[in-house]
N, C-alpha and C. Protein backbone atom coordinates (compact mmCIF):
# COMPACT_ATOMS: atom_id res chain seq x y z
N ASN A 1 -11.91 65.30 -37.36
CA ASN A 1 -12.81 64.78 -38.38
C ASN A 1 -13.63 65.88 -39.04
N LEU A 2 -14.07 66.87 -38.26
CA LEU A 2 -14.87 67.94 -38.83
C LEU A 2 -14.04 68.78 -39.80
N ILE A 3 -12.81 69.09 -39.41
CA ILE A 3 -11.93 69.87 -40.29
C ILE A 3 -11.63 69.09 -41.56
N SER A 4 -11.35 67.80 -41.42
CA SER A 4 -11.08 66.98 -42.59
C SER A 4 -12.30 66.87 -43.49
N PHE A 5 -13.49 66.81 -42.89
CA PHE A 5 -14.72 66.73 -43.68
C PHE A 5 -14.91 68.00 -44.51
N VAL A 6 -14.72 69.17 -43.89
CA VAL A 6 -14.87 70.43 -44.61
C VAL A 6 -13.80 70.57 -45.68
N ARG A 7 -12.59 70.23 -45.34
CA ARG A 7 -11.46 70.38 -46.26
C ARG A 7 -11.64 69.54 -47.52
N HIS A 8 -11.85 68.24 -47.35
CA HIS A 8 -11.95 67.35 -48.51
C HIS A 8 -13.30 67.48 -49.20
N GLY A 9 -14.35 67.84 -48.46
CA GLY A 9 -15.64 68.08 -49.10
C GLY A 9 -15.59 69.30 -50.00
N ALA A 10 -14.90 70.36 -49.57
CA ALA A 10 -14.75 71.55 -50.41
C ALA A 10 -13.95 71.24 -51.66
N ARG A 11 -12.96 70.40 -51.52
CA ARG A 11 -12.16 70.03 -52.69
C ARG A 11 -12.98 69.26 -53.71
N LEU A 12 -13.78 68.30 -53.27
CA LEU A 12 -14.60 67.52 -54.19
C LEU A 12 -15.65 68.39 -54.87
N ARG A 13 -16.23 69.32 -54.15
CA ARG A 13 -17.21 70.23 -54.76
C ARG A 13 -16.55 71.15 -55.77
N ALA A 14 -15.34 71.60 -55.47
CA ALA A 14 -14.62 72.46 -56.41
C ALA A 14 -14.28 71.70 -57.68
N GLU A 15 -13.87 70.45 -57.55
CA GLU A 15 -13.56 69.65 -58.73
C GLU A 15 -14.82 69.38 -59.56
N THR A 16 -15.96 69.25 -58.89
CA THR A 16 -17.20 68.92 -59.60
C THR A 16 -17.79 70.12 -60.30
N PHE A 17 -17.84 71.27 -59.62
CA PHE A 17 -18.54 72.43 -60.15
C PHE A 17 -17.62 73.44 -60.83
N LEU A 18 -16.36 73.50 -60.44
CA LEU A 18 -15.45 74.50 -61.00
C LEU A 18 -14.37 73.90 -61.86
N SER A 19 -14.41 72.60 -62.07
CA SER A 19 -13.45 71.88 -62.91
C SER A 19 -12.01 72.17 -62.52
N LEU A 20 -11.75 72.27 -61.22
CA LEU A 20 -10.39 72.46 -60.75
C LEU A 20 -9.59 71.18 -60.93
N GLU A 21 -8.30 71.31 -61.01
CA GLU A 21 -7.45 70.14 -61.14
C GLU A 21 -7.54 69.29 -59.87
N GLN A 22 -7.34 67.99 -60.03
CA GLN A 22 -7.45 67.09 -58.89
C GLN A 22 -6.35 67.32 -57.85
N ASN A 23 -5.26 67.94 -58.27
CA ASN A 23 -4.19 68.20 -57.32
C ASN A 23 -4.39 69.51 -56.55
N THR A 24 -5.56 70.17 -56.76
CA THR A 24 -5.87 71.38 -56.02
C THR A 24 -6.19 71.01 -54.57
N LEU A 25 -5.41 71.52 -53.64
CA LEU A 25 -5.57 71.14 -52.24
C LEU A 25 -6.09 72.31 -51.42
N PHE A 26 -6.87 71.99 -50.41
CA PHE A 26 -7.33 72.97 -49.44
C PHE A 26 -6.67 72.62 -48.11
N SER A 27 -6.08 73.60 -47.48
CA SER A 27 -5.34 73.35 -46.25
C SER A 27 -6.28 73.24 -45.06
N ASP A 28 -5.74 72.70 -43.97
CA ASP A 28 -6.51 72.63 -42.73
C ASP A 28 -6.85 74.02 -42.22
N GLN A 29 -5.95 74.97 -42.43
CA GLN A 29 -6.19 76.33 -41.98
C GLN A 29 -7.38 76.95 -42.70
N GLU A 30 -7.50 76.68 -44.01
CA GLU A 30 -8.64 77.20 -44.76
C GLU A 30 -9.94 76.58 -44.26
N ALA A 31 -9.90 75.31 -43.90
CA ALA A 31 -11.09 74.66 -43.36
C ALA A 31 -11.47 75.25 -42.01
N ILE A 32 -10.46 75.53 -41.17
CA ILE A 32 -10.73 76.13 -39.86
C ILE A 32 -11.33 77.52 -40.03
N GLU A 33 -10.80 78.30 -40.96
CA GLU A 33 -11.34 79.65 -41.20
C GLU A 33 -12.77 79.58 -41.71
N ALA A 34 -13.08 78.59 -42.54
CA ALA A 34 -14.45 78.45 -43.04
C ALA A 34 -15.41 78.11 -41.92
N LEU A 35 -14.97 77.27 -40.99
CA LEU A 35 -15.82 76.93 -39.85
C LEU A 35 -15.98 78.11 -38.91
N ALA A 36 -14.89 78.86 -38.71
CA ALA A 36 -14.95 80.01 -37.81
C ALA A 36 -15.83 81.12 -38.36
N ALA A 37 -15.94 81.19 -39.70
CA ALA A 37 -16.75 82.23 -40.33
C ALA A 37 -18.23 81.91 -40.34
N SER A 38 -18.58 80.71 -39.89
CA SER A 38 -19.99 80.33 -39.89
C SER A 38 -20.77 81.22 -38.94
N SER A 39 -21.94 81.65 -39.38
CA SER A 39 -22.75 82.55 -38.55
C SER A 39 -23.55 81.81 -37.50
N LEU A 40 -23.66 80.48 -37.62
CA LEU A 40 -24.44 79.70 -36.68
C LEU A 40 -23.57 78.62 -36.07
N PHE A 41 -23.49 78.55 -34.76
CA PHE A 41 -22.68 77.53 -34.13
C PHE A 41 -23.35 77.08 -32.84
N LEU A 42 -23.06 75.85 -32.45
CA LEU A 42 -23.63 75.28 -31.24
C LEU A 42 -22.71 75.52 -30.06
N GLY A 43 -23.29 75.86 -28.91
CA GLY A 43 -22.49 76.05 -27.71
C GLY A 43 -22.22 74.73 -27.03
N SER A 44 -21.82 74.81 -25.76
CA SER A 44 -21.51 73.58 -25.02
C SER A 44 -22.76 72.75 -24.80
N ASP A 45 -23.90 73.41 -24.66
CA ASP A 45 -25.16 72.71 -24.51
C ASP A 45 -25.79 72.54 -25.88
N ALA A 46 -26.33 71.33 -26.16
CA ALA A 46 -26.89 71.06 -27.48
C ALA A 46 -28.08 71.96 -27.77
N SER A 47 -28.77 72.43 -26.72
CA SER A 47 -29.93 73.29 -26.93
C SER A 47 -29.56 74.76 -26.98
N ASP A 48 -28.28 75.07 -26.76
CA ASP A 48 -27.82 76.45 -26.73
C ASP A 48 -27.33 76.83 -28.11
N VAL A 49 -28.08 77.63 -28.82
CA VAL A 49 -27.73 78.04 -30.18
C VAL A 49 -27.45 79.53 -30.17
N CYS A 50 -26.29 79.91 -30.70
CA CYS A 50 -25.89 81.31 -30.75
C CYS A 50 -25.86 81.77 -32.19
N VAL A 51 -26.39 82.95 -32.44
CA VAL A 51 -26.44 83.49 -33.79
C VAL A 51 -25.77 84.85 -33.80
N ASP A 52 -24.95 85.09 -34.81
CA ASP A 52 -24.28 86.37 -34.96
C ASP A 52 -25.32 87.41 -35.35
N GLU A 53 -25.47 88.47 -34.54
CA GLU A 53 -26.52 89.45 -34.79
C GLU A 53 -26.30 90.19 -36.11
N SER A 54 -25.04 90.47 -36.46
CA SER A 54 -24.78 91.20 -37.70
C SER A 54 -25.22 90.40 -38.91
N VAL A 55 -24.99 89.08 -38.86
CA VAL A 55 -25.42 88.23 -39.98
C VAL A 55 -26.93 88.07 -39.97
N GLU A 56 -27.50 88.01 -38.77
CA GLU A 56 -28.95 87.84 -38.67
C GLU A 56 -29.68 89.02 -39.25
N ASN A 57 -29.14 90.23 -39.07
CA ASN A 57 -29.79 91.43 -39.56
C ASN A 57 -29.55 91.68 -41.04
N SER A 58 -28.54 91.06 -41.61
CA SER A 58 -28.27 91.26 -43.04
C SER A 58 -29.29 90.53 -43.87
N SER A 59 -29.53 91.05 -45.06
CA SER A 59 -30.53 90.45 -45.94
C SER A 59 -29.97 89.20 -46.60
N LYS A 60 -30.87 88.40 -47.12
CA LYS A 60 -30.47 87.17 -47.79
C LYS A 60 -29.66 87.47 -49.04
N GLN A 61 -30.02 88.54 -49.74
CA GLN A 61 -29.29 88.90 -50.96
C GLN A 61 -27.85 89.28 -50.66
N GLU A 62 -27.61 89.97 -49.57
CA GLU A 62 -26.25 90.35 -49.20
C GLU A 62 -25.41 89.13 -48.88
N ARG A 63 -25.98 88.15 -48.20
CA ARG A 63 -25.23 86.93 -47.88
C ARG A 63 -24.89 86.15 -49.14
N VAL A 64 -25.82 86.13 -50.10
CA VAL A 64 -25.56 85.43 -51.35
C VAL A 64 -24.44 86.13 -52.12
N MET A 65 -24.47 87.46 -52.16
CA MET A 65 -23.45 88.20 -52.88
C MET A 65 -22.08 88.03 -52.23
N GLN A 66 -22.04 87.97 -50.92
CA GLN A 66 -20.78 87.75 -50.23
C GLN A 66 -20.20 86.39 -50.56
N ALA A 67 -21.06 85.39 -50.66
CA ALA A 67 -20.59 84.05 -51.00
C ALA A 67 -20.11 83.99 -52.45
N LEU A 68 -20.82 84.67 -53.35
CA LEU A 68 -20.43 84.66 -54.76
C LEU A 68 -19.13 85.41 -55.00
N SER A 69 -18.85 86.41 -54.16
CA SER A 69 -17.63 87.19 -54.35
C SER A 69 -16.37 86.38 -54.10
N LYS A 70 -16.49 85.27 -53.41
CA LYS A 70 -15.33 84.43 -53.11
C LYS A 70 -15.05 83.41 -54.22
N ILE A 71 -15.94 83.31 -55.22
CA ILE A 71 -15.77 82.36 -56.30
C ILE A 71 -15.04 83.03 -57.45
N PRO A 72 -14.05 82.38 -58.06
CA PRO A 72 -13.34 82.97 -59.21
C PRO A 72 -14.31 83.29 -60.34
N MET A 73 -14.42 84.58 -60.71
CA MET A 73 -15.38 85.00 -61.72
C MET A 73 -15.04 84.47 -63.10
N ASP A 74 -13.75 84.27 -63.38
CA ASP A 74 -13.39 83.75 -64.70
C ASP A 74 -13.96 82.35 -64.92
N ARG A 75 -14.09 81.59 -63.86
CA ARG A 75 -14.67 80.25 -64.00
C ARG A 75 -16.19 80.31 -64.10
N ILE A 76 -16.80 81.32 -63.51
CA ILE A 76 -18.25 81.46 -63.61
C ILE A 76 -18.65 81.84 -65.03
N ARG A 77 -17.86 82.71 -65.67
CA ARG A 77 -18.19 83.15 -67.02
C ARG A 77 -17.84 82.12 -68.08
N SER A 78 -16.97 81.19 -67.77
CA SER A 78 -16.54 80.21 -68.76
C SER A 78 -17.64 79.18 -69.00
N LYS A 79 -17.61 78.58 -70.18
CA LYS A 79 -18.59 77.56 -70.53
C LYS A 79 -18.39 76.30 -69.70
N GLN A 80 -17.17 76.10 -69.22
CA GLN A 80 -16.90 74.90 -68.44
C GLN A 80 -17.67 74.89 -67.12
N SER A 81 -18.02 76.09 -66.62
CA SER A 81 -18.69 76.15 -65.33
C SER A 81 -20.12 75.64 -65.40
N THR A 82 -20.69 75.53 -66.62
CA THR A 82 -22.05 75.05 -66.76
C THR A 82 -22.13 73.53 -66.77
N ASN A 83 -21.00 72.87 -66.81
CA ASN A 83 -20.97 71.42 -66.86
C ASN A 83 -20.45 70.85 -65.55
N LEU A 84 -21.06 69.77 -65.12
CA LEU A 84 -20.56 69.05 -63.95
C LEU A 84 -19.51 68.05 -64.38
N HIS A 85 -18.50 67.90 -63.57
CA HIS A 85 -17.40 67.00 -63.88
C HIS A 85 -17.45 65.81 -62.93
N MET A 86 -17.54 64.64 -63.51
CA MET A 86 -17.70 63.42 -62.72
C MET A 86 -16.41 63.09 -61.98
N ALA A 87 -16.56 62.65 -60.76
CA ALA A 87 -15.42 62.21 -59.95
C ALA A 87 -15.53 60.71 -59.75
N ASP A 88 -14.69 59.95 -60.41
CA ASP A 88 -14.69 58.50 -60.28
C ASP A 88 -14.02 58.10 -58.97
N PHE A 89 -14.75 57.33 -58.17
CA PHE A 89 -14.22 56.92 -56.87
C PHE A 89 -13.08 55.93 -57.06
N GLU A 90 -11.97 56.22 -56.40
CA GLU A 90 -10.80 55.34 -56.44
C GLU A 90 -10.24 55.25 -55.03
N LYS A 91 -10.43 54.10 -54.40
CA LYS A 91 -10.05 53.96 -53.00
C LYS A 91 -8.56 53.81 -52.79
N ASP A 92 -7.82 53.42 -53.82
CA ASP A 92 -6.38 53.17 -53.67
C ASP A 92 -5.52 54.38 -54.01
N ASP A 93 -6.14 55.49 -54.39
CA ASP A 93 -5.40 56.71 -54.72
C ASP A 93 -5.50 57.68 -53.55
N GLU A 94 -4.40 57.88 -52.84
CA GLU A 94 -4.42 58.75 -51.67
C GLU A 94 -4.44 60.23 -52.03
N SER A 95 -4.11 60.56 -53.28
CA SER A 95 -4.01 61.97 -53.66
C SER A 95 -5.35 62.59 -54.01
N ASN A 96 -6.39 61.77 -54.27
CA ASN A 96 -7.67 62.36 -54.69
C ASN A 96 -8.57 62.77 -53.53
N GLY A 97 -8.26 62.34 -52.33
CA GLY A 97 -9.03 62.75 -51.17
C GLY A 97 -10.36 62.04 -51.00
N HIS A 98 -10.65 61.03 -51.83
CA HIS A 98 -11.94 60.35 -51.75
C HIS A 98 -12.08 59.58 -50.44
N VAL A 99 -11.09 58.76 -50.13
CA VAL A 99 -11.15 57.96 -48.91
C VAL A 99 -11.11 58.87 -47.68
N ALA A 100 -10.34 59.94 -47.75
CA ALA A 100 -10.26 60.87 -46.62
C ALA A 100 -11.62 61.50 -46.33
N PHE A 101 -12.35 61.87 -47.39
CA PHE A 101 -13.67 62.47 -47.20
C PHE A 101 -14.66 61.45 -46.63
N ILE A 102 -14.66 60.24 -47.18
CA ILE A 102 -15.58 59.21 -46.69
C ILE A 102 -15.27 58.85 -45.24
N THR A 103 -13.98 58.78 -44.92
CA THR A 103 -13.59 58.46 -43.54
C THR A 103 -14.06 59.54 -42.58
N ALA A 104 -13.87 60.80 -42.95
CA ALA A 104 -14.30 61.90 -42.08
C ALA A 104 -15.81 61.93 -41.94
N ALA A 105 -16.54 61.74 -43.05
CA ALA A 105 -18.00 61.77 -43.00
C ALA A 105 -18.55 60.63 -42.16
N SER A 106 -18.02 59.43 -42.36
CA SER A 106 -18.51 58.27 -41.60
C SER A 106 -18.14 58.38 -40.12
N ASN A 107 -16.97 58.94 -39.82
CA ASN A 107 -16.58 59.09 -38.42
C ASN A 107 -17.45 60.11 -37.70
N LEU A 108 -17.84 61.18 -38.39
CA LEU A 108 -18.72 62.17 -37.77
C LEU A 108 -20.06 61.53 -37.40
N ARG A 109 -20.59 60.72 -38.30
CA ARG A 109 -21.85 60.04 -37.98
C ARG A 109 -21.65 59.00 -36.88
N ALA A 110 -20.53 58.30 -36.93
CA ALA A 110 -20.26 57.28 -35.91
C ALA A 110 -20.17 57.92 -34.53
N ILE A 111 -19.47 59.05 -34.44
CA ILE A 111 -19.34 59.73 -33.15
C ILE A 111 -20.70 60.17 -32.63
N SER A 112 -21.59 60.59 -33.54
CA SER A 112 -22.93 61.03 -33.13
C SER A 112 -23.71 59.90 -32.49
N TYR A 113 -23.44 58.66 -32.91
CA TYR A 113 -24.17 57.51 -32.37
C TYR A 113 -23.33 56.71 -31.37
N GLY A 114 -22.22 57.28 -30.93
CA GLY A 114 -21.40 56.60 -29.94
C GLY A 114 -20.64 55.41 -30.46
N ILE A 115 -20.37 55.37 -31.77
CA ILE A 115 -19.63 54.28 -32.39
C ILE A 115 -18.17 54.70 -32.53
N PRO A 116 -17.22 53.84 -32.20
CA PRO A 116 -15.80 54.22 -32.33
C PRO A 116 -15.44 54.56 -33.77
N PRO A 117 -14.73 55.66 -34.01
CA PRO A 117 -14.30 56.00 -35.37
C PRO A 117 -13.22 55.06 -35.87
N VAL A 118 -13.00 55.06 -37.18
CA VAL A 118 -12.01 54.18 -37.81
C VAL A 118 -11.04 55.02 -38.62
N ASP A 119 -9.97 54.37 -39.08
CA ASP A 119 -8.98 55.07 -39.89
C ASP A 119 -9.25 54.82 -41.37
N ALA A 120 -8.41 55.42 -42.21
CA ALA A 120 -8.59 55.30 -43.66
C ALA A 120 -8.41 53.87 -44.15
N MET A 121 -7.55 53.11 -43.49
CA MET A 121 -7.33 51.72 -43.91
C MET A 121 -8.60 50.89 -43.75
N GLU A 122 -9.31 51.09 -42.66
CA GLU A 122 -10.57 50.36 -42.46
C GLU A 122 -11.61 50.80 -43.48
N THR A 123 -11.61 52.08 -43.83
CA THR A 123 -12.54 52.56 -44.86
C THR A 123 -12.27 51.89 -46.19
N ARG A 124 -10.99 51.75 -46.54
CA ARG A 124 -10.65 51.06 -47.80
C ARG A 124 -11.09 49.60 -47.76
N ARG A 125 -10.92 48.96 -46.63
CA ARG A 125 -11.30 47.54 -46.52
C ARG A 125 -12.80 47.36 -46.71
N VAL A 126 -13.58 48.22 -46.05
CA VAL A 126 -15.03 48.12 -46.16
C VAL A 126 -15.49 48.47 -47.58
N ALA A 127 -14.89 49.52 -48.16
CA ALA A 127 -15.28 49.92 -49.52
C ALA A 127 -14.96 48.82 -50.52
N GLY A 128 -13.86 48.12 -50.32
CA GLY A 128 -13.50 47.05 -51.24
C GLY A 128 -14.48 45.91 -51.24
N LYS A 129 -15.18 45.72 -50.12
CA LYS A 129 -16.16 44.64 -50.03
C LYS A 129 -17.57 45.09 -50.40
N ILE A 130 -17.92 46.31 -50.00
CA ILE A 130 -19.29 46.77 -50.16
C ILE A 130 -19.59 47.19 -51.60
N ILE A 131 -18.69 47.97 -52.20
CA ILE A 131 -18.99 48.58 -53.49
C ILE A 131 -19.30 47.54 -54.57
N PRO A 132 -18.49 46.47 -54.77
CA PRO A 132 -18.86 45.49 -55.80
C PRO A 132 -20.22 44.85 -55.55
N ALA A 133 -20.49 44.49 -54.30
CA ALA A 133 -21.79 43.88 -53.98
C ALA A 133 -22.93 44.87 -54.16
N MET A 134 -22.70 46.12 -53.76
CA MET A 134 -23.74 47.13 -53.86
C MET A 134 -24.09 47.43 -55.31
N ILE A 135 -23.06 47.54 -56.15
CA ILE A 135 -23.30 47.84 -57.56
C ILE A 135 -24.05 46.70 -58.23
N THR A 136 -23.66 45.47 -57.95
CA THR A 136 -24.32 44.31 -58.55
C THR A 136 -25.77 44.23 -58.12
N THR A 137 -26.04 44.39 -56.83
CA THR A 137 -27.40 44.32 -56.33
C THR A 137 -28.24 45.47 -56.87
N THR A 138 -27.65 46.66 -56.93
CA THR A 138 -28.37 47.82 -57.46
C THR A 138 -28.78 47.60 -58.90
N ALA A 139 -27.89 47.03 -59.70
CA ALA A 139 -28.22 46.76 -61.10
C ALA A 139 -29.38 45.77 -61.20
N PHE A 140 -29.35 44.73 -60.36
CA PHE A 140 -30.41 43.72 -60.37
C PHE A 140 -31.75 44.35 -59.97
N VAL A 141 -31.75 45.12 -58.89
CA VAL A 141 -32.98 45.74 -58.41
C VAL A 141 -33.50 46.76 -59.42
N SER A 142 -32.61 47.50 -60.07
CA SER A 142 -33.04 48.48 -61.07
C SER A 142 -33.72 47.79 -62.24
N ALA A 143 -33.18 46.65 -62.67
CA ALA A 143 -33.79 45.92 -63.78
C ALA A 143 -35.17 45.40 -63.40
N LEU A 144 -35.30 44.85 -62.20
CA LEU A 144 -36.60 44.36 -61.76
C LEU A 144 -37.61 45.50 -61.62
N SER A 145 -37.15 46.65 -61.15
CA SER A 145 -38.05 47.81 -61.01
C SER A 145 -38.53 48.28 -62.37
N CYS A 146 -37.65 48.26 -63.36
CA CYS A 146 -38.04 48.67 -64.72
C CYS A 146 -39.09 47.73 -65.29
N LEU A 147 -38.95 46.43 -65.02
CA LEU A 147 -39.95 45.47 -65.49
C LEU A 147 -41.32 45.75 -64.87
N GLU A 148 -41.33 46.06 -63.57
CA GLU A 148 -42.60 46.36 -62.92
C GLU A 148 -43.17 47.68 -63.42
N LEU A 149 -42.30 48.64 -63.75
CA LEU A 149 -42.77 49.92 -64.27
C LEU A 149 -43.44 49.74 -65.63
N VAL A 150 -42.89 48.86 -66.45
CA VAL A 150 -43.50 48.57 -67.75
C VAL A 150 -44.90 47.99 -67.55
N LYS A 151 -45.06 47.14 -66.56
CA LYS A 151 -46.38 46.57 -66.27
C LYS A 151 -47.37 47.65 -65.83
N VAL A 152 -46.87 48.63 -65.06
CA VAL A 152 -47.74 49.72 -64.62
C VAL A 152 -48.19 50.54 -65.82
N VAL A 153 -47.26 50.86 -66.72
CA VAL A 153 -47.60 51.64 -67.91
C VAL A 153 -48.60 50.88 -68.78
N GLN A 154 -48.44 49.58 -68.88
CA GLN A 154 -49.35 48.76 -69.68
C GLN A 154 -50.66 48.47 -68.95
N LYS A 155 -50.79 48.96 -67.71
CA LYS A 155 -51.99 48.74 -66.89
C LYS A 155 -52.30 47.25 -66.76
N ALA A 156 -51.27 46.50 -66.46
CA ALA A 156 -51.43 45.06 -66.28
C ALA A 156 -52.19 44.78 -64.99
N PRO A 157 -52.91 43.67 -64.92
CA PRO A 157 -53.64 43.34 -63.68
C PRO A 157 -52.68 43.05 -62.53
N LEU A 158 -53.23 43.07 -61.32
CA LEU A 158 -52.40 42.91 -60.13
C LEU A 158 -51.67 41.58 -60.12
N GLN A 159 -52.30 40.53 -60.61
CA GLN A 159 -51.67 39.21 -60.57
C GLN A 159 -50.47 39.10 -61.50
N SER A 160 -50.28 40.09 -62.38
CA SER A 160 -49.11 40.06 -63.27
C SER A 160 -47.86 40.63 -62.60
N HIS A 161 -48.04 41.39 -61.52
CA HIS A 161 -46.90 41.98 -60.82
C HIS A 161 -46.27 40.96 -59.88
N ARG A 162 -45.02 41.23 -59.50
CA ARG A 162 -44.30 40.31 -58.63
C ARG A 162 -43.46 41.06 -57.61
N ASN A 163 -43.45 40.55 -56.38
CA ASN A 163 -42.48 40.96 -55.37
C ASN A 163 -41.25 40.08 -55.51
N ALA A 164 -40.08 40.66 -55.39
CA ALA A 164 -38.83 39.91 -55.55
C ALA A 164 -38.04 39.93 -54.25
N PHE A 165 -37.53 38.78 -53.86
CA PHE A 165 -36.66 38.63 -52.69
C PHE A 165 -35.37 37.98 -53.19
N ILE A 166 -34.27 38.72 -53.11
CA ILE A 166 -33.02 38.23 -53.69
C ILE A 166 -31.88 38.36 -52.69
N ASN A 167 -30.95 37.45 -52.78
CA ASN A 167 -29.70 37.49 -52.02
C ASN A 167 -28.63 36.91 -52.92
N LEU A 168 -27.83 37.79 -53.52
CA LEU A 168 -26.85 37.34 -54.50
C LEU A 168 -25.71 36.55 -53.87
N ALA A 169 -25.54 36.66 -52.56
CA ALA A 169 -24.44 35.94 -51.92
C ALA A 169 -24.74 34.45 -51.78
N LEU A 170 -26.01 34.05 -51.77
CA LEU A 170 -26.32 32.63 -51.52
C LEU A 170 -26.11 31.71 -52.73
N PRO A 171 -26.65 31.94 -53.91
CA PRO A 171 -27.65 32.93 -54.32
C PRO A 171 -29.06 32.43 -54.04
N PHE A 172 -30.00 33.41 -53.85
CA PHE A 172 -31.38 33.07 -53.56
C PHE A 172 -32.28 34.04 -54.30
N TYR A 173 -33.26 33.52 -55.02
CA TYR A 173 -34.22 34.34 -55.76
C TYR A 173 -35.61 33.79 -55.49
N ALA A 174 -36.52 34.65 -55.07
CA ALA A 174 -37.90 34.24 -54.81
C ALA A 174 -38.83 35.34 -55.29
N PHE A 175 -39.90 34.95 -55.95
CA PHE A 175 -40.87 35.90 -56.48
C PHE A 175 -42.26 35.50 -55.99
N THR A 176 -43.00 36.47 -55.49
CA THR A 176 -44.35 36.23 -54.99
C THR A 176 -45.30 37.24 -55.59
N ALA A 177 -46.56 36.88 -55.65
CA ALA A 177 -47.59 37.79 -56.14
C ALA A 177 -47.98 38.75 -55.03
N PRO A 178 -48.10 40.04 -55.32
CA PRO A 178 -48.45 41.01 -54.27
C PRO A 178 -49.91 40.89 -53.87
N LEU A 179 -50.19 41.21 -52.62
CA LEU A 179 -51.56 41.22 -52.12
C LEU A 179 -52.21 42.55 -52.45
N PRO A 180 -53.50 42.57 -52.66
CA PRO A 180 -54.18 43.85 -52.91
C PRO A 180 -54.13 44.75 -51.68
N ALA A 181 -54.18 46.05 -51.90
CA ALA A 181 -54.14 47.00 -50.80
C ALA A 181 -55.39 46.87 -49.94
N GLU A 182 -55.21 46.98 -48.64
CA GLU A 182 -56.34 46.88 -47.72
C GLU A 182 -57.27 48.06 -47.90
N THR A 183 -58.57 47.78 -47.97
CA THR A 183 -59.55 48.83 -48.20
C THR A 183 -60.21 49.25 -46.89
N THR A 184 -60.59 50.53 -46.84
CA THR A 184 -61.27 51.09 -45.68
C THR A 184 -62.61 51.66 -46.14
N PRO A 185 -63.71 51.29 -45.52
CA PRO A 185 -65.02 51.82 -45.96
C PRO A 185 -65.13 53.31 -45.68
N GLY A 186 -65.78 54.01 -46.62
CA GLY A 186 -65.98 55.44 -46.48
C GLY A 186 -67.44 55.81 -46.60
N LEU A 187 -67.72 57.08 -46.87
CA LEU A 187 -69.08 57.57 -46.98
C LEU A 187 -69.69 57.15 -48.31
N ASN A 188 -70.99 57.05 -48.31
CA ASN A 188 -71.76 56.74 -49.53
C ASN A 188 -71.32 55.44 -50.17
N GLY A 189 -70.88 54.49 -49.36
CA GLY A 189 -70.53 53.18 -49.89
C GLY A 189 -69.19 53.12 -50.60
N LYS A 190 -68.40 54.20 -50.55
CA LYS A 190 -67.10 54.20 -51.22
C LYS A 190 -66.04 53.53 -50.34
N GLU A 191 -65.03 52.99 -50.98
CA GLU A 191 -63.91 52.36 -50.29
C GLU A 191 -62.62 53.05 -50.66
N TYR A 192 -61.70 53.12 -49.72
CA TYR A 192 -60.43 53.80 -49.92
C TYR A 192 -59.29 52.87 -49.52
N THR A 193 -58.14 53.07 -50.16
CA THR A 193 -56.94 52.30 -49.84
C THR A 193 -55.84 53.24 -49.37
N LEU A 194 -54.72 52.66 -49.01
CA LEU A 194 -53.58 53.46 -48.56
C LEU A 194 -53.05 54.36 -49.66
N TRP A 195 -53.31 54.01 -50.92
CA TRP A 195 -52.77 54.76 -52.05
C TRP A 195 -53.68 55.89 -52.50
N ASP A 196 -54.89 55.99 -51.93
CA ASP A 196 -55.80 57.08 -52.28
C ASP A 196 -55.42 58.34 -51.51
N GLN A 197 -55.84 59.48 -52.03
CA GLN A 197 -55.56 60.75 -51.37
C GLN A 197 -56.78 61.65 -51.45
N LEU A 198 -56.87 62.57 -50.51
CA LEU A 198 -57.96 63.52 -50.45
C LEU A 198 -57.39 64.91 -50.69
N SER A 199 -57.80 65.55 -51.77
CA SER A 199 -57.29 66.87 -52.14
C SER A 199 -58.26 67.93 -51.65
N ILE A 200 -57.75 68.91 -50.91
CA ILE A 200 -58.55 70.02 -50.38
C ILE A 200 -58.07 71.29 -51.06
N SER A 201 -58.98 71.95 -51.78
CA SER A 201 -58.62 73.16 -52.52
C SER A 201 -59.03 74.43 -51.81
N GLU A 202 -59.63 74.33 -50.64
CA GLU A 202 -60.05 75.52 -49.91
C GLU A 202 -58.83 76.31 -49.45
N SER A 203 -58.91 77.63 -49.57
CA SER A 203 -57.80 78.48 -49.17
C SER A 203 -57.89 78.91 -47.71
N MET A 204 -59.10 78.92 -47.15
CA MET A 204 -59.28 79.36 -45.77
C MET A 204 -58.92 78.24 -44.81
N LYS A 205 -58.42 78.61 -43.65
CA LYS A 205 -58.09 77.64 -42.63
C LYS A 205 -59.35 77.08 -41.99
N ALA A 206 -59.25 75.85 -41.51
CA ALA A 206 -60.40 75.21 -40.90
C ALA A 206 -60.89 75.98 -39.68
N SER A 207 -59.95 76.57 -38.93
CA SER A 207 -60.33 77.31 -37.74
C SER A 207 -61.11 78.57 -38.08
N GLU A 208 -60.84 79.16 -39.26
CA GLU A 208 -61.54 80.37 -39.66
C GLU A 208 -62.97 80.07 -40.08
N LYS A 209 -63.19 78.85 -40.60
CA LYS A 209 -64.53 78.49 -41.04
C LYS A 209 -65.36 77.92 -39.90
N GLY A 210 -64.70 77.64 -38.77
CA GLY A 210 -65.43 77.10 -37.65
C GLY A 210 -65.72 75.62 -37.84
């Protein structure tokens, strides 16, 4: 899963930032070499961290230049390199590596939490159900958020705002008036809420001033 994550993740980043063709493939061997070249790796014990001394002693500028030297310079100088290229998710196309990347990424997280990993077919099944519902709900929530933002800009009173509770599967829609923020008494008769902040402009540390 880790090798697949690096392999397909590198491909997606290359397509996005370097406008490489979608049929540009990165081999498992290239992914293994990229992992082996990492200067920081975990040992058998989770608390045991080993660092390559040569990389540790090198300056940040040298590491950046080494990374840049591996990028095709003709693509850096081209105008196309300044534009990001959108990657449309397509779960039924095995050649684009989208499902492979999502499967590897989700399996790595699942393994971290002791959850059994799944195959690409299960990823496609879940994506087919989640994405339409997620997009629809996101659009609904975005519209409601924009309405509340307009009220904030217009400095509308609190009773004009609304909390929304929605479930598109039922469907269920409920709107309630928000409660005012709880106030906490302060010095000199002032009151503060959770949304207030205290700005300190002093440059000296509190310990230095005693």
